[in-house]
């Protein structure tokens, strides 16, 4: 049986006065890359399809992450359903 390490055994870093575990930093970096890439992809796809709303889709979709990651993914699904065919 493998036991998980305790919180005191995890490598941590002090950032802006907060103690953060290495795994949390990796998760945050991954989510930031997903966030930026998703907005760029939606904008490029909408622009390639000739949408007049390309910048709104590209800028607004990543902003919905404020409401939660699931809401942002729901907006992507909605975009995929309402976009014009090429």
Protein backbone atom coordinates (compact mmCIF):
# COMPACT_ATOMS: atom_id res chain seq x y z
CA UNK A 1 0.00 0.00 0.00
CA UNK A 2 1.36 3.41 -1.03
CA UNK A 3 0.65 6.27 1.33
CA UNK A 4 0.25 9.82 0.06
CA UNK A 5 2.78 12.32 1.38
CA UNK A 6 1.64 14.62 4.14
CA UNK A 7 1.30 18.35 3.51
CA UNK A 8 4.60 18.97 5.28
CA UNK A 9 6.47 16.71 2.84
CA UNK A 10 5.33 18.50 -0.33
CA UNK A 11 7.73 20.96 -1.93
CA UNK A 12 6.32 24.47 -1.45
CA UNK A 13 7.13 27.97 -2.67
CA UNK A 14 6.40 31.42 -1.24
CA UNK A 15 4.72 33.61 -3.86
CA UNK A 16 3.35 37.06 -2.97
CA UNK A 17 3.14 36.05 0.68
CA UNK A 18 1.26 32.80 0.02
CA UNK A 19 2.64 29.30 0.40
CA UNK A 20 1.89 27.25 -2.72
CA UNK A 21 2.64 23.59 -3.44
CA UNK A 22 4.48 22.67 -6.64
CA UNK A 23 1.49 20.68 -7.92
CA UNK A 24 -0.77 23.72 -7.53
CA UNK A 25 1.66 25.82 -9.59
CA UNK A 26 1.69 23.17 -12.31
CA UNK A 27 -2.11 23.08 -12.36
CA UNK A 28 -2.31 26.87 -12.53
CA UNK A 29 0.20 27.02 -15.40
CA UNK A 30 -1.75 24.34 -17.30
CA UNK A 31 -5.03 26.21 -16.84
CA UNK A 32 -3.45 29.49 -18.00
CA UNK A 33 -2.17 27.83 -21.17
CA UNK A 34 -5.62 26.29 -21.80
CA UNK A 35 -7.26 29.67 -21.18
CA UNK A 36 -5.02 31.59 -23.60
CA UNK A 37 -5.02 28.89 -26.28
CA UNK A 38 -8.79 28.51 -26.20
CA UNK A 39 -9.42 32.23 -26.70
CA UNK A 40 -6.96 32.40 -29.57
CA UNK A 41 -8.45 29.31 -31.24
CA UNK A 42 -12.04 30.58 -30.97
CA UNK A 43 -11.03 33.99 -32.37
CA UNK A 44 -9.07 32.46 -35.27
CA UNK A 45 -11.84 29.99 -36.10
CA UNK A 46 -14.54 32.68 -36.05
CA UNK A 47 -12.41 35.03 -38.17
CA UNK A 48 -11.66 32.28 -40.71
CA UNK A 49 -15.38 31.61 -41.01
CA UNK A 50 -16.05 35.30 -41.71
CA UNK A 51 -17.88 36.08 -38.48
CA UNK A 52 -18.48 39.73 -37.67
CA UNK A 53 -18.40 38.72 -33.99
CA UNK A 54 -14.95 37.08 -34.05
CA UNK A 55 -13.29 39.35 -31.51
CA UNK A 56 -16.28 39.09 -29.14
CA UNK A 57 -16.12 35.30 -29.23
CA UNK A 58 -12.35 35.27 -28.87
CA UNK A 59 -12.28 37.78 -26.02
CA UNK A 60 -15.48 36.75 -24.24
CA UNK A 61 -15.02 32.99 -24.17
CA UNK A 62 -11.93 33.02 -21.89
CA UNK A 63 -13.56 35.67 -19.68
CA UNK A 64 -16.32 33.22 -18.78
CA UNK A 65 -13.76 31.28 -16.72
CA UNK A 66 -14.59 33.83 -14.00
CA UNK A 67 -17.91 32.02 -13.63
CA UNK A 68 -16.12 28.66 -13.59
CA UNK A 69 -14.24 26.28 -15.84
CA UNK A 70 -17.44 24.36 -16.60
CA UNK A 71 -19.17 27.56 -17.79
CA UNK A 72 -16.25 28.33 -20.10
CA UNK A 73 -16.44 24.86 -21.61
CA UNK A 74 -20.21 25.25 -22.00
CA UNK A 75 -19.64 28.50 -23.94
CA UNK A 76 -17.22 26.65 -26.24
CA UNK A 77 -19.89 24.02 -26.92
CA UNK A 78 -22.42 26.78 -27.63
CA UNK A 79 -19.93 28.42 -30.02
CA UNK A 80 -19.42 25.12 -31.84
CA UNK A 81 -23.20 24.75 -32.24
CA UNK A 82 -23.93 28.29 -33.49
CA UNK A 83 -20.90 28.97 -35.69
CA UNK A 84 -21.40 29.25 -39.42
CA UNK A 85 -20.21 26.37 -41.56
CA UNK A 86 -17.14 27.06 -43.67
